[in-house]
C-alpha atoms as a PDB file:
ATOM      1  CA  MET A   1     -21.416  14.593  11.018  1.00  0.00           C
ATOM      2  CA  LEU A   2     -25.025  12.795  10.256  1.00  0.00           C
ATOM      3  CA  VAL A   3     -26.759  11.788  13.314  1.00  0.00           C
ATOM      4  CA  ALA A   4     -29.433   9.205  12.821  1.00  0.00           C
ATOM      5  CA  ASN A   5     -32.841  10.095  14.840  1.00  0.00           C
ATOM      6  CA  ILE A   6     -34.308   6.370  14.508  1.00  0.00           C
ATOM      7  CA  LYS A   7     -32.944   3.740  17.001  1.00  0.00           C
ATOM      8  CA  GLN A   8     -32.112   1.152  14.633  1.00  0.00           C
ATOM      9  CA  GLN A   9     -30.269   3.481  12.266  1.00  0.00           C
ATOM     10  CA  LYS A  10     -27.937   4.702  15.249  1.00  0.00           C
ATOM     11  CA  LYS A  11     -27.619   0.735  15.823  1.00  0.00           C
ATOM     12  CA  ARG A  12     -26.455   0.601  11.926  1.00  0.00           C
ATOM     13  CA  ILE A  13     -24.002   3.415  12.080  1.00  0.00           C
ATOM     14  CA  LYS A  14     -22.574   1.480  14.870  1.00  0.00           C
ATOM     15  CA  VAL A  15     -22.350  -1.937  13.393  1.00  0.00           C
ATOM     16  CA  ALA A  16     -20.999  -0.101  10.118  1.00  0.00           C
ATOM     17  CA  ALA A  17     -18.243   1.560  11.864  1.00  0.00           C
ATOM     18  CA  ARG A  18     -17.251  -1.601  13.249  1.00  0.00           C
ATOM     19  CA  GLN A  19     -17.429  -3.424   9.945  1.00  0.00           C
ATOM     20  CA  ARG A  20     -15.354  -0.891   8.221  1.00  0.00           C
ATOM     21  CA  LEU A  21     -12.450  -0.857  10.920  1.00  0.00           C
ATOM     22  CA  GLU A  22     -12.184  -4.727  10.591  1.00  0.00           C
ATOM     23  CA  ASN A  23     -12.326  -4.327   6.843  1.00  0.00           C
ATOM     24  CA  LEU A  24      -9.346  -1.972   7.132  1.00  0.00           C
ATOM     25  CA  ARG A  25      -7.426  -4.348   9.299  1.00  0.00           C
ATOM     26  CA  TYR A  26      -7.874  -7.012   6.645  1.00  0.00           C
ATOM     27  CA  LYS A  27      -6.485  -4.476   3.949  1.00  0.00           C
ATOM     28  CA  THR A  28      -3.651  -3.090   5.938  1.00  0.00           C
ATOM     29  CA  THR A  29      -2.504  -6.789   7.154  1.00  0.00           C
ATOM     30  CA  ILE A  30      -2.394  -7.929   3.567  1.00  0.00           C
ATOM     31  CA  LYS A  31      -0.034  -4.965   2.692  1.00  0.00           C
ATOM     32  CA  THR A  32       2.328  -5.812   5.945  1.00  0.00           C
ATOM     33  CA  TYR A  33       2.387  -9.657   4.571  1.00  0.00           C
ATOM     34  CA  PHE A  34       3.345  -8.247   1.149  1.00  0.00           C
ATOM     35  CA  ARG A  35       6.234  -6.383   2.553  1.00  0.00           C
ATOM     36  CA  ARG A  36       7.191  -9.230   4.569  1.00  0.00           C
ATOM     37  CA  LEU A  37       6.975 -11.576   1.411  1.00  0.00           C
ATOM     38  CA  GLU A  38       9.348  -9.391  -0.465  1.00  0.00           C
ATOM     39  CA  THR A  39      11.607  -9.241   2.814  1.00  0.00           C
ATOM     40  CA  ALA A  40      11.616 -12.992   2.605  1.00  0.00           C
ATOM     41  CA  ILE A  41      12.121 -13.034  -1.202  1.00  0.00           C
ATOM     42  CA  ASP A  42      15.117 -10.726  -0.973  1.00  0.00           C
ATOM     43  CA  GLY A  43      16.630 -12.865   1.667  1.00  0.00           C
ATOM     44  CA  GLY A  44      16.671 -16.173  -0.359  1.00  0.00           C
ATOM     45  CA  ASP A  45      15.472 -18.481   2.149  1.00  0.00           C
ATOM     46  CA  ALA A  46      12.950 -20.860   0.421  1.00  0.00           C
ATOM     47  CA  ALA A  47      11.303 -22.278   3.494  1.00  0.00           C
ATOM     48  CA  LEU A  48      10.752 -18.705   4.836  1.00  0.00           C
ATOM     49  CA  ILE A  49       9.387 -17.691   1.320  1.00  0.00           C
ATOM     50  CA  GLU A  50       7.105 -20.472   1.401  1.00  0.00           C
ATOM     51  CA  GLY A  51       5.718 -19.917   4.695  1.00  0.00           C
ATOM     52  CA  GLU A  52       5.013 -16.084   4.009  1.00  0.00           C
ATOM     53  CA  HIS A  53       3.415 -16.812   0.777  1.00  0.00           C
ATOM     54  CA  LYS A  54       1.036 -19.366   2.297  1.00  0.00           C
ATOM     55  CA  GLU A  55      -0.058 -16.934   5.293  1.00  0.00           C
ATOM     56  CA  LEU A  56      -0.661 -14.194   2.653  1.00  0.00           C
ATOM     57  CA  GLN A  57      -2.598 -16.618   0.407  1.00  0.00           C
ATOM     58  CA  VAL A  58      -4.739 -17.793   3.342  1.00  0.00           C
ATOM     59  CA  LEU A  59      -5.375 -14.305   4.639  1.00  0.00           C
ATOM     60  CA  VAL A  60      -6.287 -12.959   1.446  1.00  0.00           C
ATOM     61  CA  ASP A  61      -8.653 -16.033   1.137  1.00  0.00           C
ATOM     62  CA  ARG A  62     -10.231 -15.233   4.257  1.00  0.00           C
ATOM     63  CA  ALA A  63     -10.665 -11.465   3.622  1.00  0.00           C
ATOM     64  CA  ALA A  64     -12.390 -12.404   0.095  1.00  0.00           C
ATOM     65  CA  ALA A  65     -14.901 -15.004   1.983  1.00  0.00           C
ATOM     66  CA  ARG A  66     -15.646 -12.088   4.475  1.00  0.00           C
ATOM     67  CA  ARG A  67     -16.114  -9.901   1.335  1.00  0.00           C
ATOM     68  CA  ALA A  68     -13.651  -7.272   2.782  1.00  0.00           C
ATOM     69  CA  LEU A  69     -12.031  -7.662  -0.370  1.00  0.00           C
ATOM     70  CA  HIS A  70     -13.741  -8.049  -3.954  1.00  0.00           C
ATOM     71  CA  PRO A  71     -13.056 -11.700  -5.094  1.00  0.00           C
ATOM     72  CA  ASN A  72     -11.401 -10.340  -8.142  1.00  0.00           C
ATOM     73  CA  THR A  73      -8.998  -8.138  -6.171  1.00  0.00           C
ATOM     74  CA  ALA A  74      -8.059 -11.152  -3.985  1.00  0.00           C
ATOM     75  CA  ALA A  75      -7.227 -13.299  -7.059  1.00  0.00           C
ATOM     76  CA  ARG A  76      -5.370 -10.323  -8.596  1.00  0.00           C
ATOM     77  CA  LYS A  77      -3.084 -10.339  -5.104  1.00  0.00           C
ATOM     78  CA  LYS A  78      -2.691 -14.075  -5.079  1.00  0.00           C
ATOM     79  CA  SER A  79      -1.330 -13.958  -8.584  1.00  0.00           C
ATOM     80  CA  LYS A  80       1.003 -11.109  -7.685  1.00  0.00           C
ATOM     81  CA  ALA A  81       2.334 -12.832  -4.830  1.00  0.00           C
ATOM     82  CA  ALA A  82       2.909 -16.281  -7.025  1.00  0.00           C
ATOM     83  CA  ARG A  83       4.797 -14.035  -9.724  1.00  0.00           C
ATOM     84  CA  MET A  84       6.871 -12.424  -6.773  1.00  0.00           C
ATOM     85  CA  VAL A  85       7.710 -15.622  -5.761  1.00  0.00           C
ATOM     86  CA  ALA A  86       8.580 -17.135  -9.245  1.00  0.00           C
ATOM     87  CA  ALA A  87      10.612 -14.102 -10.211  1.00  0.00           C
ATOM     88  CA  GLY A  88      12.902 -14.509  -7.205  1.00  0.00           C
ATOM     89  CA  PRO A  89      15.071 -11.729  -5.588  1.00  0.00           C
ATOM     90  CA  ARG A  90      14.965  -8.500  -7.028  1.00  0.00           C
ATOM     91  CA  GLU A  91      18.129  -6.936  -8.173  1.00  0.00           C
ATOM     92  CA  ALA A  92      19.158  -3.753  -6.301  1.00  0.00           C
ATOM     93  CA  ALA A  93      17.255  -1.010  -7.689  1.00  0.00           C
ATOM     94  CA  LYS A  94      19.638   1.808  -9.221  1.00  0.00           C
ATOM     95  CA  PRO A  95      19.684   5.060  -7.038  1.00  0.00           C
ATOM     96  CA  LYS A  96      18.237   7.841  -8.868  1.00  0.00           C
ATOM     97  CA  ARG A  97      20.401  10.745 -10.193  1.00  0.00           C
ATOM     98  CA  ALA A  98      20.520  13.673  -7.979  1.00  0.00           C
ATOM     99  CA  ARG A  99      19.729  16.765  -9.658  1.00  0.00           C
ATOM    100  CA  LYS A 100      21.995  19.469 -10.499  1.00  0.00           C
ATOM    101  CA  ALA A 101      21.724  22.822  -9.194  1.00  0.00           C
ATOM    102  CA  THR A 102      20.864  24.416 -12.529  1.00  0.00           C
ATOM    103  CA  ALA A 103      21.077  28.126 -13.787  1.00  0.00           C
ATOM    104  CA  GLY A 104      17.533  28.482 -13.567  1.00  0.00           C
ATOM    105  CA  ALA A 105      17.487  28.611  -9.987  1.00  0.00           C
ATOM    106  CA  ALA A 106      19.960  31.258 -10.054  1.00  0.00           C
ATOM    107  CA  ARG A 107      17.986  33.076 -12.975  1.00  0.00           C
ATOM    108  CA  LYS A 108      15.003  33.124 -10.840  1.00  0.00           C
ATOM    109  CA  THR A 109      16.744  34.783  -7.758  1.00  0.00           C
ATOM    110  CA  THR A 110      18.191  37.548 -10.153  1.00  0.00           C
ATOM    111  CA  THR A 111      14.724  38.158 -11.771  1.00  0.00           C
ATOM    112  CA  ARG A 112      13.351  38.594  -8.462  1.00  0.00           C
ATOM    113  CA  SER A 113      15.623  40.894  -7.166  1.00  0.00           C
ATOM    114  CA  ALA A 114      15.670  43.012 -10.342  1.00  0.00           C
ATOM    115  CA  SER A 115      11.729  43.160 -10.280  1.00  0.00           C
ATOM    116  CA  ALA A 116      11.973  44.270  -6.503  1.00  0.00           C
ATOM    117  CA  LYS A 117      14.346  47.132  -7.687  1.00  0.00           C
ATOM    118  CA  LYS A 118      11.699  48.214 -10.072  1.00  0.00           C
ATOM    119  CA  LYS A 119       9.047  48.904  -7.319  1.00  0.00           C
END
Protein backbone atom coordinates (compact mmCIF):
# COMPACT_ATOMS: atom_id res chain seq x y z
CA MET A 1 0.00 0.00 0.00
CA LEU A 2 1.28 3.41 -0.95
CA VAL A 3 1.33 5.86 1.95
CA ALA A 4 1.75 9.54 1.22
CA ASN A 5 3.91 11.78 3.39
CA ILE A 6 2.32 15.06 2.33
CA LYS A 7 -0.87 16.10 4.10
CA GLN A 8 -2.70 17.13 0.91
CA GLN A 9 -1.88 13.82 -0.74
CA LYS A 10 -3.31 11.97 2.25
CA LYS A 11 -6.53 13.96 1.79
CA ARG A 12 -6.56 13.21 -1.94
CA ILE A 13 -6.21 9.48 -1.24
CA LYS A 14 -9.29 9.63 1.02
CA VAL A 15 -11.28 11.65 -1.51
CA ALA A 16 -10.32 9.35 -4.39
CA ALA A 17 -11.36 6.28 -2.40
CA ARG A 18 -14.73 7.87 -1.61
CA GLN A 19 -15.26 8.83 -5.25
CA ARG A 20 -14.29 5.36 -6.44
CA LEU A 21 -16.90 3.77 -4.17
CA GLU A 22 -19.57 6.19 -5.36
CA ASN A 23 -18.76 5.41 -8.99
CA LEU A 24 -18.86 1.70 -8.18
CA ARG A 25 -22.31 2.14 -6.61
CA TYR A 26 -23.59 3.72 -9.82
CA LYS A 27 -22.21 0.92 -11.96
CA THR A 28 -23.57 -1.91 -9.82
CA THR A 29 -26.95 -0.22 -9.49
CA ILE A 30 -27.17 0.09 -13.27
CA LYS A 31 -26.51 -3.65 -13.58
CA THR A 32 -29.29 -4.31 -11.05
CA TYR A 33 -31.70 -2.10 -12.99
CA PHE A 34 -30.86 -4.01 -16.18
CA ARG A 35 -31.76 -7.28 -14.44
CA ARG A 36 -35.01 -5.74 -13.17
CA LEU A 37 -35.82 -4.55 -16.69
CA GLU A 38 -35.21 -8.05 -18.10
CA THR A 39 -37.50 -9.53 -15.45
CA ALA A 40 -40.19 -6.96 -16.25
CA ILE A 41 -39.89 -7.66 -19.98
CA ASP A 42 -40.20 -11.40 -19.42
CA GLY A 43 -43.24 -10.75 -17.20
CA GLY A 44 -44.92 -8.80 -19.99
CA ASP A 45 -46.50 -6.02 -17.87
CA ALA A 46 -46.28 -2.91 -20.08
CA ALA A 47 -46.61 -0.40 -17.22
CA LEU A 48 -43.87 -2.12 -15.23
CA ILE A 49 -41.60 -2.30 -18.28
CA GLU A 50 -42.09 1.42 -18.94
CA GLY A 51 -41.38 2.30 -15.30
CA GLU A 52 -38.22 0.19 -15.07
CA HIS A 53 -36.98 1.53 -18.40
CA LYS A 54 -37.52 5.13 -17.27
CA GLU A 55 -35.71 4.52 -13.95
CA LEU A 56 -32.78 2.95 -15.79
CA GLN A 57 -32.53 5.85 -18.22
CA VAL A 58 -32.57 8.42 -15.41
CA LEU A 59 -29.89 6.55 -13.47
CA VAL A 60 -27.65 6.17 -16.54
CA ASP A 61 -28.02 9.88 -17.33
CA ARG A 62 -27.17 10.81 -13.75
CA ALA A 63 -24.10 8.56 -13.78
CA ALA A 64 -22.93 10.11 -17.05
CA ALA A 65 -23.48 13.63 -15.72
CA ARG A 66 -21.34 12.82 -12.68
CA ARG A 67 -18.75 11.17 -14.97
CA ALA A 68 -19.13 7.82 -13.21
CA LEU A 69 -19.75 6.54 -16.75
CA HIS A 70 -18.24 7.79 -19.97
CA PRO A 71 -20.92 9.52 -22.07
CA ASN A 72 -20.51 6.99 -24.89
CA THR A 73 -20.93 4.12 -22.41
CA ALA A 74 -24.08 5.76 -21.09
CA ALA A 75 -25.45 6.14 -24.61
CA ARG A 76 -24.65 2.49 -25.36
CA LYS A 77 -26.42 1.30 -22.21
CA LYS A 78 -29.51 3.40 -22.94
CA SER A 79 -29.56 2.07 -26.49
CA LYS A 80 -29.29 -1.50 -25.25
CA ALA A 81 -32.20 -0.94 -22.86
CA ALA A 82 -34.33 0.53 -25.65
CA ARG A 83 -33.56 -2.46 -27.89
CA MET A 84 -34.51 -4.85 -25.07
CA VAL A 85 -37.84 -3.08 -24.59
CA ALA A 86 -38.55 -3.01 -28.32
CA ALA A 87 -37.69 -6.72 -28.74
CA GLY A 88 -40.21 -7.79 -26.10
CA PRO A 89 -40.14 -11.01 -24.08
CA ARG A 90 -37.29 -13.39 -24.74
CA GLU A 91 -37.91 -16.96 -25.78
CA ALA A 92 -36.84 -19.53 -23.26
CA ALA A 93 -33.24 -20.41 -23.88
CA LYS A 94 -32.59 -23.96 -24.98
CA PRO A 95 -30.99 -25.98 -22.20
CA LYS A 96 -27.42 -26.89 -22.93
CA ARG A 97 -26.83 -30.49 -23.84
CA ALA A 98 -25.17 -32.47 -21.10
CA ARG A 99 -21.88 -34.02 -22.08
CA LYS A 100 -21.79 -37.76 -22.35
CA ALA A 101 -19.24 -39.74 -20.41
CA THR A 102 -16.69 -40.34 -23.12
CA ALA A 103 -14.34 -43.20 -23.57
CA GLY A 104 -11.52 -40.67 -23.22
CA ALA A 105 -12.11 -40.43 -19.49
CA ALA A 106 -11.86 -44.21 -19.20
CA ARG A 107 -8.73 -44.19 -21.36
CA LYS A 108 -7.03 -41.67 -19.10
CA THR A 109 -7.58 -43.84 -16.04
CA THR A 110 -6.22 -46.89 -17.81
CA THR A 111 -3.14 -45.04 -19.03
CA ARG A 112 -2.44 -43.80 -15.53
CA SER A 113 -2.70 -47.24 -14.10
CA ALA A 114 -0.48 -48.61 -16.87
CA SER A 115 2.14 -45.93 -16.25
CA ALA A 116 1.93 -46.58 -12.53
CA LYS A 117 2.64 -50.28 -13.17
CA LYS A 118 5.81 -49.43 -15.08
CA LYS A 119 7.32 -47.76 -12.04
